Amino acid sequence: MYCITHFIAGAIVGAATPGPAGAAVAGLVTHAVLDRVPHSDYSRAAQGVLDVAVTGLFAFCILMAGADVRAIAGGLGGALPDLEVAAAFLFPKAYGPHGPLRLLFPSHNGLVRHGRLAFPWGAFTQILAIAGLAVLFLWVL
């Protein structure tokens, strides 16, 4: 799933939690849940770099616009697990079958099934997931 999707989902859920620590944990939970939804992932490193840059810019913009710290914490909690995926891509020997490092996040190491769907359908599922979370958030408020 794209970094921006994980960030927005974590931010939505994080904004509804009592504090920043709970928001970060809620963001982690959204990451695991969303990774179960069949979705597209990057096929090239440049796509990942662009996505992370756009996510960082988006986070900065909503922070400057006055976003609550809970939304930022939730967004970061949602997006940060994919740093290990980026590290594994950048250092394949370290994370390879005989390397010393292993992926830790449950949906990355195989403990929780990671849904996959080809582009563009996998991108549509991400849009629907964010729209569904936003509607749920607005309904609960």
Protein backbone atom coordinates (compact mmCIF):
# COMPACT_ATOMS: atom_id res chain seq x y z
CA MET A 1 0.00 0.00 0.00
CA TYR A 2 1.21 3.49 -0.72
CA CYS A 3 2.75 5.61 2.04
CA ILE A 4 0.21 8.39 1.49
CA THR A 5 -2.63 5.93 2.01
CA HIS A 6 -1.18 4.66 5.29
CA PHE A 7 -0.51 8.22 6.45
CA ILE A 8 -4.03 9.49 5.70
CA ALA A 9 -5.68 6.43 7.29
CA GLY A 10 -3.53 6.77 10.40
CA ALA A 11 -4.26 10.50 10.57
CA ILE A 12 -8.01 9.97 10.33
CA VAL A 13 -8.06 7.36 13.06
CA GLY A 14 -5.44 9.17 15.13
CA ALA A 15 -7.51 12.36 15.20
CA ALA A 16 -10.26 10.43 16.99
CA THR A 17 -8.02 9.06 19.77
CA PRO A 18 -7.50 10.59 23.22
CA GLY A 19 -3.78 11.42 22.88
CA PRO A 20 -0.74 11.34 20.60
CA ALA A 21 0.62 8.02 21.92
CA GLY A 22 -2.75 6.33 21.37
CA ALA A 23 -2.92 7.95 17.94
CA ALA A 24 0.46 6.50 16.94
CA VAL A 25 -0.64 3.03 18.09
CA ALA A 26 -3.93 3.44 16.23
CA GLY A 27 -1.93 4.36 13.13
CA LEU A 28 0.09 1.14 13.46
CA VAL A 29 -3.15 -0.82 13.69
CA THR A 30 -4.52 0.85 10.55
CA HIS A 31 -1.34 -0.16 8.74
CA ALA A 32 -1.85 -3.82 9.59
CA VAL A 33 -5.54 -3.72 8.71
CA LEU A 34 -5.02 -1.91 5.40
CA ASP A 35 -2.26 -4.30 4.36
CA ARG A 36 -4.88 -7.07 4.43
CA VAL A 37 -6.96 -5.23 1.81
CA PRO A 38 -5.87 -6.27 -1.69
CA HIS A 39 -3.88 -3.36 -3.09
CA SER A 40 -1.10 -2.27 -5.43
CA ASP A 41 2.47 -1.74 -4.32
CA TYR A 42 5.32 -0.04 -6.14
CA SER A 43 7.00 -1.64 -9.09
CA ARG A 44 9.91 0.84 -9.17
CA ALA A 45 11.98 2.59 -6.51
CA ALA A 46 11.28 6.01 -8.06
CA GLN A 47 7.56 5.55 -7.35
CA GLY A 48 8.32 4.91 -3.68
CA VAL A 49 10.60 7.94 -3.43
CA LEU A 50 7.93 10.15 -5.02
CA ASP A 51 5.23 8.75 -2.72
CA VAL A 52 7.30 9.33 0.43
CA ALA A 53 8.15 12.86 -0.72
CA VAL A 54 4.49 13.67 -1.40
CA THR A 55 3.53 12.18 1.98
CA GLY A 56 6.13 14.31 3.74
CA LEU A 57 4.89 17.42 1.95
CA PHE A 58 1.29 16.53 2.81
CA ALA A 59 2.20 16.02 6.49
CA PHE A 60 4.01 19.36 6.56
CA CYS A 61 1.08 21.14 4.92
CA ILE A 62 -1.55 19.79 7.30
CA LEU A 63 0.73 20.57 10.26
CA MET A 64 1.14 24.16 9.05
CA ALA A 65 -2.63 24.34 8.51
CA GLY A 66 -3.16 23.55 12.19
CA ALA A 67 -3.71 19.79 12.21
CA ASP A 68 -3.98 18.31 15.66
CA VAL A 69 -0.86 16.53 16.89
CA ARG A 70 -2.96 13.36 17.20
CA ALA A 71 -3.56 13.36 13.44
CA ILE A 72 0.15 13.76 12.75
CA ALA A 73 1.07 11.03 15.28
CA GLY A 74 -1.53 8.69 13.79
CA GLY A 75 -0.31 9.39 10.29
CA LEU A 76 3.29 8.73 11.24
CA GLY A 77 2.28 5.54 13.07
CA GLY A 78 0.48 4.42 9.93
CA ALA A 79 3.33 5.19 7.54
CA LEU A 80 6.47 4.32 9.52
CA PRO A 81 6.26 0.50 9.29
CA ASP A 82 7.03 0.75 5.60
CA LEU A 83 10.49 2.11 6.43
CA GLU A 84 11.59 -1.48 6.99
CA VAL A 85 10.32 -2.38 3.52
CA ALA A 86 12.35 0.51 2.09
CA ALA A 87 15.42 -0.67 4.04
CA ALA A 88 14.97 -4.21 2.71
CA PHE A 89 14.77 -2.85 -0.83
CA LEU A 90 17.87 -0.69 -0.36
CA PHE A 91 19.88 -3.42 1.41
CA PRO A 92 18.74 -6.71 -0.14
CA LYS A 93 21.72 -8.72 1.12
CA ALA A 94 21.00 -7.77 4.73
CA TYR A 95 17.34 -8.82 4.44
CA GLY A 96 17.83 -11.73 2.03
CA PRO A 97 17.34 -15.39 2.94
CA HIS A 98 20.80 -15.60 4.48
CA GLY A 99 21.03 -12.00 5.71
CA PRO A 100 21.14 -11.06 9.40
CA LEU A 101 18.00 -8.89 9.35
CA ARG A 102 14.31 -9.83 9.11
CA LEU A 103 11.18 -7.82 8.52
CA LEU A 104 9.37 -7.29 11.83
CA PHE A 105 5.96 -5.83 11.04
CA PRO A 106 3.33 -8.63 10.93
CA SER A 107 2.00 -7.83 7.46
CA HIS A 108 5.56 -7.63 6.11
CA ASN A 109 7.01 -10.80 7.59
CA GLY A 110 4.12 -13.11 6.67
CA LEU A 111 2.49 -13.38 10.10
CA VAL A 112 -0.53 -11.47 8.73
CA ARG A 113 -1.52 -12.04 5.11
CA HIS A 114 -0.64 -9.13 2.81
CA GLY A 115 -3.31 -8.57 0.14
CA ARG A 116 -2.16 -7.91 -3.44
CA LEU A 117 -4.04 -6.57 -6.46
CA ALA A 118 -2.64 -5.31 -9.76
CA PHE A 119 -2.65 -1.64 -10.70
CA PRO A 120 -4.96 0.20 -11.34
CA TRP A 121 -7.47 -1.88 -9.35
CA GLY A 122 -5.16 -1.98 -6.34
CA ALA A 123 -4.99 1.81 -6.34
CA PHE A 124 -8.79 2.01 -6.42
CA THR A 125 -9.03 -0.16 -3.30
CA GLN A 126 -6.77 2.30 -1.50
CA ILE A 127 -8.96 5.23 -2.52
CA LEU A 128 -12.07 3.33 -1.37
CA ALA A 129 -10.43 2.45 1.95
CA ILE A 130 -9.61 6.11 2.66
CA ALA A 131 -13.08 7.25 1.57
CA GLY A 132 -14.67 4.62 3.81
CA LEU A 133 -12.57 5.66 6.80
CA ALA A 134 -13.40 9.32 6.20
CA VAL A 135 -17.13 8.61 6.04
CA LEU A 136 -16.92 6.46 9.18
CA PHE A 137 -14.98 9.20 10.97
CA LEU A 138 -17.55 11.85 10.01
CA TRP A 139 -20.43 9.55 10.99
CA VAL A 140 -18.94 8.81 14.42
CA LEU A 141 -18.42 12.51 15.13
